[in-house]
Amino acid sequence: MNISFLTLAATTNGGAATGSSILVMVGWIAIMLVAMYFLMIRPQRKKQKEEKQMRENLQVGDEVVTIGGIYGRVISLKEESMVIESKSDHSKLTIARWALQQNLTVHDDTPKK
C-alpha cells in the first residue's frame, strides 16, 4: 500500500498529472502571504514606529497616560525611565518609557495628520 502524492494527484485529475495545479496552489499561497503582510504586519510596524517617535519626543511638563491608566505630568526624563507626578494626589512615580501609552500635550513643532 505505497501510494505517493503524485499518484494520488494523477488519479484525482482525471489520470493526467499536471504541474499547473501545483503552480496555482503556490500562487494562491503567495497571494495570501502578501495580503497578510499588508493587512497585519505593515500596520503594526507603522504603529510601533509612531509610538517610538512619541516616546522620543517626550518633554518635561507633558501630560501623559501610562499603559496602566495613570494620568500624570512628566517631571524628569532618563534614557529608559521617567518620573511622573500623578494628578490625583501629586505622588511621584518612576516608570519605564515603554509603559507610556499616550502623550496628551500637543506641541507646535509636531506635525498634525
PDB file of N, CA and C in Angstrom:
ATOM      1  N   MET A   1       0.820  -1.179   0.000  1.00  0.00           N
ATOM      2  CA  MET A   1       0.000   0.000   0.000  1.00  0.00           C
ATOM      3  C   MET A   1       0.865   1.245   0.000  1.00  0.00           C
ATOM      4  N   ASN A   2       1.709   1.404  -0.940  1.00  0.00           N
ATOM      5  CA  ASN A   2       2.605   2.544  -1.041  1.00  0.00           C
ATOM      6  C   ASN A   2       2.096   3.460  -2.142  1.00  0.00           C
ATOM      7  N   ILE A   3       1.257   4.410  -1.772  1.00  0.00           N
ATOM      8  CA  ILE A   3       0.687   5.351  -2.734  1.00  0.00           C
ATOM      9  C   ILE A   3       1.351   6.698  -2.513  1.00  0.00           C
ATOM     10  N   SER A   4       1.979   7.216  -3.522  1.00  0.00           N
ATOM     11  CA  SER A   4       2.636   8.513  -3.387  1.00  0.00           C
ATOM     12  C   SER A   4       1.646   9.638  -3.680  1.00  0.00           C
ATOM     13  N   PHE A   5       2.063  10.864  -3.328  1.00  0.00           N
ATOM     14  CA  PHE A   5       1.213  12.036  -3.550  1.00  0.00           C
ATOM     15  C   PHE A   5       0.960  12.272  -5.025  1.00  0.00           C
ATOM     16  N   LEU A   6       1.958  12.085  -5.867  1.00  0.00           N
ATOM     17  CA  LEU A   6       1.790  12.317  -7.302  1.00  0.00           C
ATOM     18  C   LEU A   6       0.846  11.305  -7.922  1.00  0.00           C
ATOM     19  N   THR A   7       0.889  10.059  -7.471  1.00  0.00           N
ATOM     20  CA  THR A   7      -0.031   9.057  -7.981  1.00  0.00           C
ATOM     21  C   THR A   7      -1.451   9.410  -7.581  1.00  0.00           C
ATOM     22  N   LEU A   8      -1.627   9.853  -6.349  1.00  0.00           N
ATOM     23  CA  LEU A   8      -2.941  10.260  -5.878  1.00  0.00           C
ATOM     24  C   LEU A   8      -3.430  11.476  -6.640  1.00  0.00           C
ATOM     25  N   ALA A   9      -2.552  12.438  -6.905  1.00  0.00           N
ATOM     26  CA  ALA A   9      -2.920  13.627  -7.668  1.00  0.00           C
ATOM     27  C   ALA A   9      -3.260  13.264  -9.101  1.00  0.00           C
ATOM     28  N   ALA A  10      -2.545  12.299  -9.666  1.00  0.00           N
ATOM     29  CA  ALA A  10      -2.808  11.892 -11.041  1.00  0.00           C
ATOM     30  C   ALA A  10      -4.169  11.234 -11.160  1.00  0.00           C
ATOM     31  N   THR A  11      -4.570  10.473 -10.176  1.00  0.00           N
ATOM     32  CA  THR A  11      -5.870   9.822 -10.250  1.00  0.00           C
ATOM     33  C   THR A  11      -7.004  10.805 -10.005  1.00  0.00           C
ATOM     34  N   THR A  12      -6.790  11.846  -9.218  1.00  0.00           N
ATOM     35  CA  THR A  12      -7.856  12.810  -8.977  1.00  0.00           C
ATOM     36  C   THR A  12      -7.994  13.820 -10.107  1.00  0.00           C
ATOM     37  N   ASN A  13      -6.967  14.000 -10.931  1.00  0.00           N
ATOM     38  CA  ASN A  13      -7.022  14.939 -12.047  1.00  0.00           C
ATOM     39  C   ASN A  13      -7.407  14.262 -13.354  1.00  0.00           C
ATOM     40  N   GLY A  14      -8.131  13.202 -13.279  1.00  0.00           N
ATOM     41  CA  GLY A  14      -8.561  12.542 -14.498  1.00  0.00           C
ATOM     42  C   GLY A  14      -7.470  11.713 -15.116  1.00  0.00           C
ATOM     43  N   GLY A  15      -6.477  11.332 -14.375  1.00  0.00           N
ATOM     44  CA  GLY A  15      -5.440  10.461 -14.875  1.00  0.00           C
ATOM     45  C   GLY A  15      -4.227  11.186 -15.413  1.00  0.00           C
ATOM     46  N   ALA A  16      -4.273  12.490 -15.573  1.00  0.00           N
ATOM     47  CA  ALA A  16      -3.133  13.224 -16.112  1.00  0.00           C
ATOM     48  C   ALA A  16      -2.566  14.129 -15.033  1.00  0.00           C
ATOM     49  N   ALA A  17      -1.323  13.901 -14.656  1.00  0.00           N
ATOM     50  CA  ALA A  17      -0.673  14.734 -13.640  1.00  0.00           C
ATOM     51  C   ALA A  17      -0.137  15.994 -14.316  1.00  0.00           C
ATOM     52  N   THR A  18      -0.631  17.150 -13.897  1.00  0.00           N
ATOM     53  CA  THR A  18      -0.181  18.406 -14.478  1.00  0.00           C
ATOM     54  C   THR A  18       0.473  19.246 -13.397  1.00  0.00           C
ATOM     55  N   GLY A  19       1.462  20.031 -13.797  1.00  0.00           N
ATOM     56  CA  GLY A  19       2.139  20.920 -12.873  1.00  0.00           C
ATOM     57  C   GLY A  19       1.409  22.226 -12.700  1.00  0.00           C
ATOM     58  N   SER A  20       0.405  22.486 -13.517  1.00  0.00           N
ATOM     59  CA  SER A  20      -0.315  23.762 -13.426  1.00  0.00           C
ATOM     60  C   SER A  20      -1.121  23.868 -12.138  1.00  0.00           C
ATOM     61  N   SER A  21      -1.658  22.752 -11.649  1.00  0.00           N
ATOM     62  CA  SER A  21      -2.433  22.815 -10.406  1.00  0.00           C
ATOM     63  C   SER A  21      -1.527  23.150  -9.225  1.00  0.00           C
ATOM     64  N   ILE A  22      -0.300  22.648  -9.251  1.00  0.00           N
ATOM     65  CA  ILE A  22       0.650  22.955  -8.186  1.00  0.00           C
ATOM     66  C   ILE A  22       1.052  24.426  -8.252  1.00  0.00           C
ATOM     67  N   LEU A  23       1.250  24.942  -9.461  1.00  0.00           N
ATOM     68  CA  LEU A  23       1.592  26.355  -9.619  1.00  0.00           C
ATOM     69  C   LEU A  23       0.464  27.261  -9.156  1.00  0.00           C
ATOM     70  N   VAL A  24      -0.765  26.870  -9.420  1.00  0.00           N
ATOM     71  CA  VAL A  24      -1.916  27.663  -8.970  1.00  0.00           C
ATOM     72  C   VAL A  24      -1.964  27.683  -7.450  1.00  0.00           C
ATOM     73  N   MET A  25      -1.725  26.527  -6.837  1.00  0.00           N
ATOM     74  CA  MET A  25      -1.753  26.450  -5.377  1.00  0.00           C
ATOM     75  C   MET A  25      -0.640  27.310  -4.771  1.00  0.00           C
ATOM     76  N   VAL A  26       0.558  27.256  -5.331  1.00  0.00           N
ATOM     77  CA  VAL A  26       1.667  28.075  -4.843  1.00  0.00           C
ATOM     78  C   VAL A  26       1.357  29.552  -5.048  1.00  0.00           C
ATOM     79  N   GLY A  27       0.717  29.886  -6.164  1.00  0.00           N
ATOM     80  CA  GLY A  27       0.319  31.275  -6.426  1.00  0.00           C
ATOM     81  C   GLY A  27      -0.655  31.796  -5.385  1.00  0.00           C
ATOM     82  N   TRP A  28      -1.640  30.978  -5.022  1.00  0.00           N
ATOM     83  CA  TRP A  28      -2.615  31.398  -4.007  1.00  0.00           C
ATOM     84  C   TRP A  28      -1.959  31.589  -2.645  1.00  0.00           C
ATOM     85  N   ILE A  29      -1.027  30.708  -2.322  1.00  0.00           N
ATOM     86  CA  ILE A  29      -0.313  30.851  -1.043  1.00  0.00           C
ATOM     87  C   ILE A  29       0.490  32.145  -1.038  1.00  0.00           C
ATOM     88  N   ALA A  30       1.135  32.464  -2.147  1.00  0.00           N
ATOM     89  CA  ALA A  30       1.900  33.715  -2.237  1.00  0.00           C
ATOM     90  C   ALA A  30       0.983  34.925  -2.104  1.00  0.00           C
ATOM     91  N   ILE A  31      -0.169  34.882  -2.749  1.00  0.00           N
ATOM     92  CA  ILE A  31      -1.134  35.986  -2.650  1.00  0.00           C
ATOM     93  C   ILE A  31      -1.605  36.156  -1.215  1.00  0.00           C
ATOM     94  N   MET A  32      -1.850  35.055  -0.516  1.00  0.00           N
ATOM     95  CA  MET A  32      -2.307  35.132   0.877  1.00  0.00           C
ATOM     96  C   MET A  32      -1.216  35.698   1.789  1.00  0.00           C
ATOM     97  N   LEU A  33       0.047  35.329   1.528  1.00  0.00           N
ATOM     98  CA  LEU A  33       1.144  35.870   2.337  1.00  0.00           C
ATOM     99  C   LEU A  33       1.303  37.377   2.122  1.00  0.00           C
ATOM    100  N   VAL A  34       1.171  37.826   0.882  1.00  0.00           N
ATOM    101  CA  VAL A  34       1.256  39.266   0.590  1.00  0.00           C
ATOM    102  C   VAL A  34       0.096  40.004   1.251  1.00  0.00           C
ATOM    103  N   ALA A  35      -1.098  39.423   1.194  1.00  0.00           N
ATOM    104  CA  ALA A  35      -2.259  40.049   1.835  1.00  0.00           C
ATOM    105  C   ALA A  35      -2.066  40.132   3.347  1.00  0.00           C
ATOM    106  N   MET A  36      -1.520  39.080   3.948  1.00  0.00           N
ATOM    107  CA  MET A  36      -1.266  39.115   5.394  1.00  0.00           C
ATOM    108  C   MET A  36      -0.269  40.203   5.743  1.00  0.00           C
ATOM    109  N   TYR A  37       0.744  40.402   4.903  1.00  0.00           N
ATOM    110  CA  TYR A  37       1.725  41.444   5.158  1.00  0.00           C
ATOM    111  C   TYR A  37       1.050  42.811   5.169  1.00  0.00           C
ATOM    112  N   PHE A  38       0.234  43.099   4.145  1.00  0.00           N
ATOM    113  CA  PHE A  38      -0.374  44.422   4.040  1.00  0.00           C
ATOM    114  C   PHE A  38      -1.510  44.631   5.034  1.00  0.00           C
ATOM    115  N   LEU A  39      -2.153  43.570   5.497  1.00  0.00           N
ATOM    116  CA  LEU A  39      -3.270  43.720   6.429  1.00  0.00           C
ATOM    117  C   LEU A  39      -2.860  43.623   7.899  1.00  0.00           C
ATOM    118  N   MET A  40      -1.742  42.950   8.185  1.00  0.00           N
ATOM    119  CA  MET A  40      -1.392  42.734   9.585  1.00  0.00           C
ATOM    120  C   MET A  40      -0.011  43.281   9.955  1.00  0.00           C
ATOM    121  N   ILE A  41       1.008  42.911   9.249  1.00  0.00           N
ATOM    122  CA  ILE A  41       2.379  43.230   9.652  1.00  0.00           C
ATOM    123  C   ILE A  41       2.708  44.693   9.409  1.00  0.00           C
ATOM    124  N   ARG A  42       2.382  45.214   8.245  1.00  0.00           N
ATOM    125  CA  ARG A  42       2.722  46.597   7.906  1.00  0.00           C
ATOM    126  C   ARG A  42       2.052  47.614   8.844  1.00  0.00           C
ATOM    127  N   PRO A  43       0.742  47.503   9.124  1.00  0.00           N
ATOM    128  CA  PRO A  43       0.140  48.460  10.065  1.00  0.00           C
ATOM    129  C   PRO A  43       0.727  48.371  11.473  1.00  0.00           C
ATOM    130  N   GLN A  44       1.089  47.154  11.899  1.00  0.00           N
ATOM    131  CA  GLN A  44       1.670  47.007  13.225  1.00  0.00           C
ATOM    132  C   GLN A  44       3.033  47.697  13.302  1.00  0.00           C
ATOM    133  N   ARG A  45       3.856  47.540  12.282  1.00  0.00           N
ATOM    134  CA  ARG A  45       5.158  48.206  12.268  1.00  0.00           C
ATOM    135  C   ARG A  45       5.000  49.719  12.218  1.00  0.00           C
ATOM    136  N   LYS A  46       4.012  50.206  11.471  1.00  0.00           N
ATOM    137  CA  LYS A  46       3.770  51.647  11.393  1.00  0.00           C
ATOM    138  C   LYS A  46       3.371  52.191  12.765  1.00  0.00           C
ATOM    139  N   LYS A  47       2.513  51.459  13.463  1.00  0.00           N
ATOM    140  CA  LYS A  47       2.079  51.885  14.793  1.00  0.00           C
ATOM    141  C   LYS A  47       3.253  51.877  15.778  1.00  0.00           C
ATOM    142  N   GLN A  48       4.108  50.855  15.714  1.00  0.00           N
ATOM    143  CA  GLN A  48       5.277  50.793  16.587  1.00  0.00           C
ATOM    144  C   GLN A  48       6.224  51.952  16.320  1.00  0.00           C
ATOM    145  N   LYS A  49       6.379  52.323  15.059  1.00  0.00           N
ATOM    146  CA  LYS A  49       7.242  53.445  14.703  1.00  0.00           C
ATOM    147  C   LYS A  49       6.686  54.757  15.267  1.00  0.00           C
ATOM    148  N   GLU A  50       5.369  54.954  15.181  1.00  0.00           N
ATOM    149  CA  GLU A  50       4.746  56.164  15.723  1.00  0.00           C
ATOM    150  C   GLU A  50       4.882  56.215  17.240  1.00  0.00           C
ATOM    151  N   GLU A  51       4.707  55.075  17.922  1.00  0.00           N
ATOM    152  CA  GLU A  51       4.849  55.037  19.374  1.00  0.00           C
ATOM    153  C   GLU A  51       6.279  55.352  19.792  1.00  0.00           C
ATOM    154  N   LYS A  52       7.249  54.811  19.062  1.00  0.00           N
ATOM    155  CA  LYS A  52       8.652  55.086  19.373  1.00  0.00           C
ATOM    156  C   LYS A  52       8.965  56.565  19.203  1.00  0.00           C
ATOM    157  N   GLN A  53       8.446  57.171  18.146  1.00  0.00           N
ATOM    158  CA  GLN A  53       8.674  58.602  17.901  1.00  0.00           C
ATOM    159  C   GLN A  53       8.020  59.441  18.993  1.00  0.00           C
ATOM    160  N   MET A  54       6.825  59.041  19.434  1.00  0.00           N
ATOM    161  CA  MET A  54       6.133  59.772  20.501  1.00  0.00           C
ATOM    162  C   MET A  54       6.942  59.714  21.796  1.00  0.00           C
ATOM    163  N   ARG A  55       7.513  58.550  22.111  1.00  0.00           N
ATOM    164  CA  ARG A  55       8.303  58.406  23.338  1.00  0.00           C
ATOM    165  C   ARG A  55       9.623  59.178  23.257  1.00  0.00           C
ATOM    166  N   GLU A  56      10.208  59.268  22.055  1.00  0.00           N
ATOM    167  CA  GLU A  56      11.447  60.012  21.892  1.00  0.00           C
ATOM    168  C   GLU A  56      11.226  61.523  21.953  1.00  0.00           C
ATOM    169  N   ASN A  57      10.065  62.003  21.531  1.00  0.00           N
ATOM    170  CA  ASN A  57       9.762  63.436  21.514  1.00  0.00           C
ATOM    171  C   ASN A  57       9.162  63.930  22.827  1.00  0.00           C
ATOM    172  N   LEU A  58       9.145  63.097  23.833  1.00  0.00           N
ATOM    173  CA  LEU A  58       8.583  63.455  25.128  1.00  0.00           C
ATOM    174  C   LEU A  58       9.422  64.551  25.788  1.00  0.00           C
ATOM    175  N   GLN A  59       8.753  65.505  26.428  1.00  0.00           N
ATOM    176  CA  GLN A  59       9.438  66.611  27.089  1.00  0.00           C
ATOM    177  C   GLN A  59       8.952  66.730  28.526  1.00  0.00           C
ATOM    178  N   VAL A  60       9.762  67.364  29.355  1.00  0.00           N
ATOM    179  CA  VAL A  60       9.375  67.611  30.741  1.00  0.00           C
ATOM    180  C   VAL A  60       8.178  68.561  30.742  1.00  0.00           C
ATOM    181  N   GLY A  61       7.172  68.226  31.534  1.00  0.00           N
ATOM    182  CA  GLY A  61       5.970  69.042  31.617  1.00  0.00           C
ATOM    183  C   GLY A  61       4.809  68.502  30.791  1.00  0.00           C
ATOM    184  N   ASP A  62       5.040  67.477  29.967  1.00  0.00           N
ATOM    185  CA  ASP A  62       3.973  66.904  29.150  1.00  0.00           C
ATOM    186  C   ASP A  62       2.990  66.123  30.011  1.00  0.00           C
ATOM    187  N   GLU A  63       1.726  66.216  29.664  1.00  0.00           N
ATOM    188  CA  GLU A  63       0.686  65.414  30.305  1.00  0.00           C
ATOM    189  C   GLU A  63       0.634  64.074  29.582  1.00  0.00           C
ATOM    190  N   VAL A  64       0.718  62.964  30.336  1.00  0.00           N
ATOM    191  CA  VAL A  64       0.792  61.637  29.749  1.00  0.00           C
ATOM    192  C   VAL A  64      -0.188  60.676  30.405  1.00  0.00           C
ATOM    193  N   VAL A  65      -0.422  59.553  29.719  1.00  0.00           N
ATOM    194  CA  VAL A  65      -1.204  58.447  30.257  1.00  0.00           C
ATOM    195  C   VAL A  65      -0.354  57.191  30.121  1.00  0.00           C
ATOM    196  N   THR A  66      -0.255  56.411  31.192  1.00  0.00           N
ATOM    197  CA  THR A  66       0.512  55.173  31.144  1.00  0.00           C
ATOM    198  C   THR A  66      -0.373  54.031  30.658  1.00  0.00           C
ATOM    199  N   ILE A  67       0.253  52.899  30.377  1.00  0.00           N
ATOM    200  CA  ILE A  67      -0.494  51.719  29.949  1.00  0.00           C
ATOM    201  C   ILE A  67      -1.461  51.281  31.048  1.00  0.00           C
ATOM    202  N   GLY A  68      -1.103  51.497  32.292  1.00  0.00           N
ATOM    203  CA  GLY A  68      -1.959  51.132  33.417  1.00  0.00           C
ATOM    204  C   GLY A  68      -3.093  52.104  33.674  1.00  0.00           C
ATOM    205  N   GLY A  69      -3.154  53.196  32.912  1.00  0.00           N
ATOM    206  CA  GLY A  69      -4.242  54.156  33.057  1.00  0.00           C
ATOM    207  C   GLY A  69      -3.963  55.278  34.039  1.00  0.00           C
ATOM    208  N   ILE A  70      -2.714  55.486  34.402  1.00  0.00           N
ATOM    209  CA  ILE A  70      -2.353  56.555  35.337  1.00  0.00           C
ATOM    210  C   ILE A  70      -2.106  57.840  34.547  1.00  0.00           C
ATOM    211  N   TYR A  71      -2.819  58.886  34.903  1.00  0.00           N
ATOM    212  CA  TYR A  71      -2.622  60.204  34.295  1.00  0.00           C
ATOM    213  C   TYR A  71      -1.611  60.966  35.124  1.00  0.00           C
ATOM    214  N   GLY A  72      -0.701  61.662  34.453  1.00  0.00           N
ATOM    215  CA  GLY A  72       0.289  62.417  35.187  1.00  0.00           C
ATOM    216  C   GLY A  72       1.033  63.394  34.309  1.00  0.00           C
ATOM    217  N   ARG A  73       1.971  64.078  34.946  1.00  0.00           N
ATOM    218  CA  ARG A  73       2.806  65.077  34.258  1.00  0.00           C
ATOM    219  C   ARG A  73       4.248  64.647  34.411  1.00  0.00           C
ATOM    220  N   VAL A  74       5.035  64.752  33.323  1.00  0.00           N
ATOM    221  CA  VAL A  74       6.432  64.319  33.329  1.00  0.00           C
ATOM    222  C   VAL A  74       7.256  65.301  34.146  1.00  0.00           C
ATOM    223  N   ILE A  75       7.991  64.775  35.132  1.00  0.00           N
ATOM    224  CA  ILE A  75       8.847  65.585  35.991  1.00  0.00           C
ATOM    225  C   ILE A  75      10.296  65.522  35.505  1.00  0.00           C
ATOM    226  N   SER A  76      10.783  64.320  35.205  1.00  0.00           N
ATOM    227  CA  SER A  76      12.153  64.181  34.698  1.00  0.00           C
ATOM    228  C   SER A  76      12.215  62.999  33.739  1.00  0.00           C
ATOM    229  N   LEU A  77      13.191  63.074  32.830  1.00  0.00           N
ATOM    230  CA  LEU A  77      13.360  62.042  31.809  1.00  0.00           C
ATOM    231  C   LEU A  77      14.765  61.450  31.894  1.00  0.00           C
ATOM    232  N   LYS A  78      14.838  60.147  31.749  1.00  0.00           N
ATOM    233  CA  LYS A  78      16.107  59.449  31.609  1.00  0.00           C
ATOM    234  C   LYS A  78      16.014  58.621  30.335  1.00  0.00           C
ATOM    235  N   GLU A  79      17.085  57.907  30.034  1.00  0.00           N
ATOM    236  CA  GLU A  79      17.109  57.158  28.773  1.00  0.00           C
ATOM    237  C   GLU A  79      16.043  56.068  28.725  1.00  0.00           C
ATOM    238  N   GLU A  80      15.900  55.285  29.777  1.00  0.00           N
ATOM    239  CA  GLU A  80      14.959  54.172  29.795  1.00  0.00           C
ATOM    240  C   GLU A  80      13.791  54.363  30.755  1.00  0.00           C
ATOM    241  N   SER A  81      13.795  55.416  31.540  1.00  0.00           N
ATOM    242  CA  SER A  81      12.729  55.628  32.512  1.00  0.00           C
ATOM    243  C   SER A  81      12.384  57.101  32.597  1.00  0.00           C
ATOM    244  N   MET A  82      11.322  57.378  33.335  1.00  0.00           N
ATOM    245  CA  MET A  82      10.917  58.761  33.575  1.00  0.00           C
ATOM    246  C   MET A  82      10.160  58.819  34.888  1.00  0.00           C
ATOM    247  N   VAL A  83      10.119  60.014  35.458  1.00  0.00           N
ATOM    248  CA  VAL A  83       9.380  60.243  36.694  1.00  0.00           C
ATOM    249  C   VAL A  83       8.181  61.098  36.335  1.00  0.00           C
ATOM    250  N   ILE A  84       6.996  60.604  36.742  1.00  0.00           N
ATOM    251  CA  ILE A  84       5.777  61.389  36.516  1.00  0.00           C
ATOM    252  C   ILE A  84       5.137  61.698  37.857  1.00  0.00           C
ATOM    253  N   GLU A  85       4.395  62.796  37.874  1.00  0.00           N
ATOM    254  CA  GLU A  85       3.651  63.192  39.069  1.00  0.00           C
ATOM    255  C   GLU A  85       2.181  62.947  38.762  1.00  0.00           C
ATOM    256  N   SER A  86       1.525  62.127  39.581  1.00  0.00           N
ATOM    257  CA  SER A  86       0.126  61.798  39.328  1.00  0.00           C
ATOM    258  C   SER A  86      -0.755  63.010  39.592  1.00  0.00           C
ATOM    259  N   LYS A  87      -1.879  63.060  38.907  1.00  0.00           N
ATOM    260  CA  LYS A  87      -2.774  64.204  39.031  1.00  0.00           C
ATOM    261  C   LYS A  87      -3.558  64.190  40.336  1.00  0.00           C
ATOM    262  N   SER A  88      -3.934  63.016  40.796  1.00  0.00           N
ATOM    263  CA  SER A  88      -4.845  62.956  41.934  1.00  0.00           C
ATOM    264  C   SER A  88      -4.201  63.372  43.250  1.00  0.00           C
ATOM    265  N   ASP A  89      -3.103  62.739  43.629  1.00  0.00           N
ATOM    266  CA  ASP A  89      -2.505  63.054  44.933  1.00  0.00           C
ATOM    267  C   ASP A  89      -1.089  63.598  44.822  1.00  0.00           C
ATOM    268  N   HIS A  90      -0.660  63.949  43.637  1.00  0.00           N
ATOM    269  CA  HIS A  90       0.652  64.546  43.376  1.00  0.00           C
ATOM    270  C   HIS A  90       1.807  63.676  43.878  1.00  0.00           C
ATOM    271  N   SER A  91       1.621  62.358  43.815  1.00  0.00           N
ATOM    272  CA  SER A  91       2.727  61.466  44.173  1.00  0.00           C
ATOM    273  C   SER A  91       3.607  61.243  42.950  1.00  0.00           C
ATOM    274  N   LYS A  92       4.874  61.019  43.188  1.00  0.00           N
ATOM    275  CA  LYS A  92       5.835  60.829  42.100  1.00  0.00           C
ATOM    276  C   LYS A  92       6.030  59.339  41.855  1.00  0.00           C
ATOM    277  N   LEU A  93       5.992  58.950  40.585  1.00  0.00           N
ATOM    278  CA  LEU A  93       6.147  57.562  40.184  1.00  0.00           C
ATOM    279  C   LEU A  93       7.254  57.462  39.149  1.00  0.00           C
ATOM    280  N   THR A  94       8.116  56.475  39.308  1.00  0.00           N
ATOM    281  CA  THR A  94       9.132  56.201  38.290  1.00  0.00           C
ATOM    282  C   THR A  94       8.617  55.055  37.436  1.00  0.00           C
ATOM    283  N   ILE A  95       8.510  55.294  36.130  1.00  0.00           N
ATOM    284  CA  ILE A  95       8.010  54.265  35.225  1.00  0.00           C
ATOM    285  C   ILE A  95       8.974  54.118  34.046  1.00  0.00           C
ATOM    286  N   ALA A  96       8.894  52.992  33.387  1.00  0.00           N
ATOM    287  CA  ALA A  96       9.688  52.755  32.184  1.00  0.00           C
ATOM    288  C   ALA A  96       9.064  53.520  31.022  1.00  0.00           C
ATOM    289  N   ARG A  97       9.893  53.941  30.092  1.00  0.00           N
ATOM    290  CA  ARG A  97       9.379  54.690  28.933  1.00  0.00           C
ATOM    291  C   ARG A  97       8.440  53.849  28.083  1.00  0.00           C
ATOM    292  N   TRP A  98       8.693  52.524  27.997  1.00  0.00           N
ATOM    293  CA  TRP A  98       7.839  51.684  27.182  1.00  0.00           C
ATOM    294  C   TRP A  98       6.431  51.582  27.767  1.00  0.00           C
ATOM    295  N   ALA A  99       6.246  51.954  29.046  1.00  0.00           N
ATOM    296  CA  ALA A  99       4.941  51.882  29.690  1.00  0.00           C
ATOM    297  C   ALA A  99       4.080  53.106  29.406  1.00  0.00           C
ATOM    298  N   LEU A 100       4.568  54.006  28.575  1.00  0.00           N
ATOM    299  CA  LEU A 100       3.810  55.205  28.218  1.00  0.00           C
ATOM    300  C   LEU A 100       2.866  54.870  27.062  1.00  0.00           C
ATOM    301  N   GLN A 101       1.592  55.192  27.237  1.00  0.00           N
ATOM    302  CA  GLN A 101       0.614  54.887  26.195  1.00  0.00           C
ATOM    303  C   GLN A 101       0.329  56.090  25.312  1.00  0.00           C
ATOM    304  N   GLN A 102       0.185  57.261  25.924  1.00  0.00           N
ATOM    305  CA  GLN A 102      -0.262  58.416  25.154  1.00  0.00           C
ATOM    306  C   GLN A 102       0.301  59.700  25.744  1.00  0.00           C
ATOM    307  N   ASN A 103       0.678  60.610  24.863  1.00  0.00           N
ATOM    308  CA  ASN A 103       1.093  61.950  25.265  1.00  0.00           C
ATOM    309  C   ASN A 103      -0.076  62.881  24.960  1.00  0.00           C
ATOM    310  N   LEU A 104      -0.632  63.488  25.985  1.00  0.00           N
ATOM    311  CA  LEU A 104      -1.812  64.339  25.814  1.00  0.00           C
ATOM    312  C   LEU A 104      -1.468  65.771  25.432  1.00  0.00           C
ATOM    313  N   THR A 105      -0.197  66.157  25.558  1.00  0.00           N
ATOM    314  CA  THR A 105       0.229  67.516  25.247  1.00  0.00           C
ATOM    315  C   THR A 105       0.523  67.623  23.754  1.00  0.00           C
ATOM    316  N   VAL A 106      -0.035  68.652  23.121  1.00  0.00           N
ATOM    317  CA  VAL A 106       0.207  68.889  21.705  1.00  0.00           C
ATOM    318  C   VAL A 106       1.267  69.978  21.593  1.00  0.00           C
ATOM    319  N   HIS A 107       2.351  69.676  20.874  1.00  0.00           N
ATOM    320  CA  HIS A 107       3.437  70.625  20.674  1.00  0.00           C
ATOM    321  C   HIS A 107       3.286  71.293  19.320  1.00  0.00           C
ATOM    322  N   ASP A 108       3.768  72.525  19.212  1.00  0.00           N
ATOM    323  CA  ASP A 108       3.676  73.269  17.959  1.00  0.00           C
ATOM    324  C   ASP A 108       4.574  72.675  16.875  1.00  0.00           C
ATOM    325  N   ASP A 109       5.714  72.071  17.263  1.00  0.00           N
ATOM    326  CA  ASP A 109       6.637  71.536  16.284  1.00  0.00           C
ATOM    327  C   ASP A 109       6.249  70.128  15.794  1.00  0.00           C
ATOM    328  N   THR A 110       5.223  69.526  16.388  1.00  0.00           N
ATOM    329  CA  THR A 110       4.777  68.202  15.973  1.00  0.00           C
ATOM    330  C   THR A 110       3.831  68.352  14.788  1.00  0.00           C
ATOM    331  N   PRO A 111       4.114  67.645  13.655  1.00  0.00           N
ATOM    332  CA  PRO A 111       3.217  67.748  12.510  1.00  0.00           C
ATOM    333  C   PRO A 111       1.881  67.067  12.796  1.00  0.00           C
ATOM    334  N   LYS A 112       0.788  67.712  12.355  1.00  0.00           N
ATOM    335  CA  LYS A 112      -0.550  67.142  12.528  1.00  0.00           C
ATOM    336  C   LYS A 112      -0.907  66.308  11.308  1.00  0.00           C
ATOM    337  N   LYS A 113      -1.769  65.329  11.531  1.00  0.00           N
ATOM    338  CA  LYS A 113      -2.217  64.477  10.420  1.00  0.00           C
ATOM    339  C   LYS A 113      -3.470  65.043   9.787  1.00  0.00           C
TER     340      LYS A 113
END
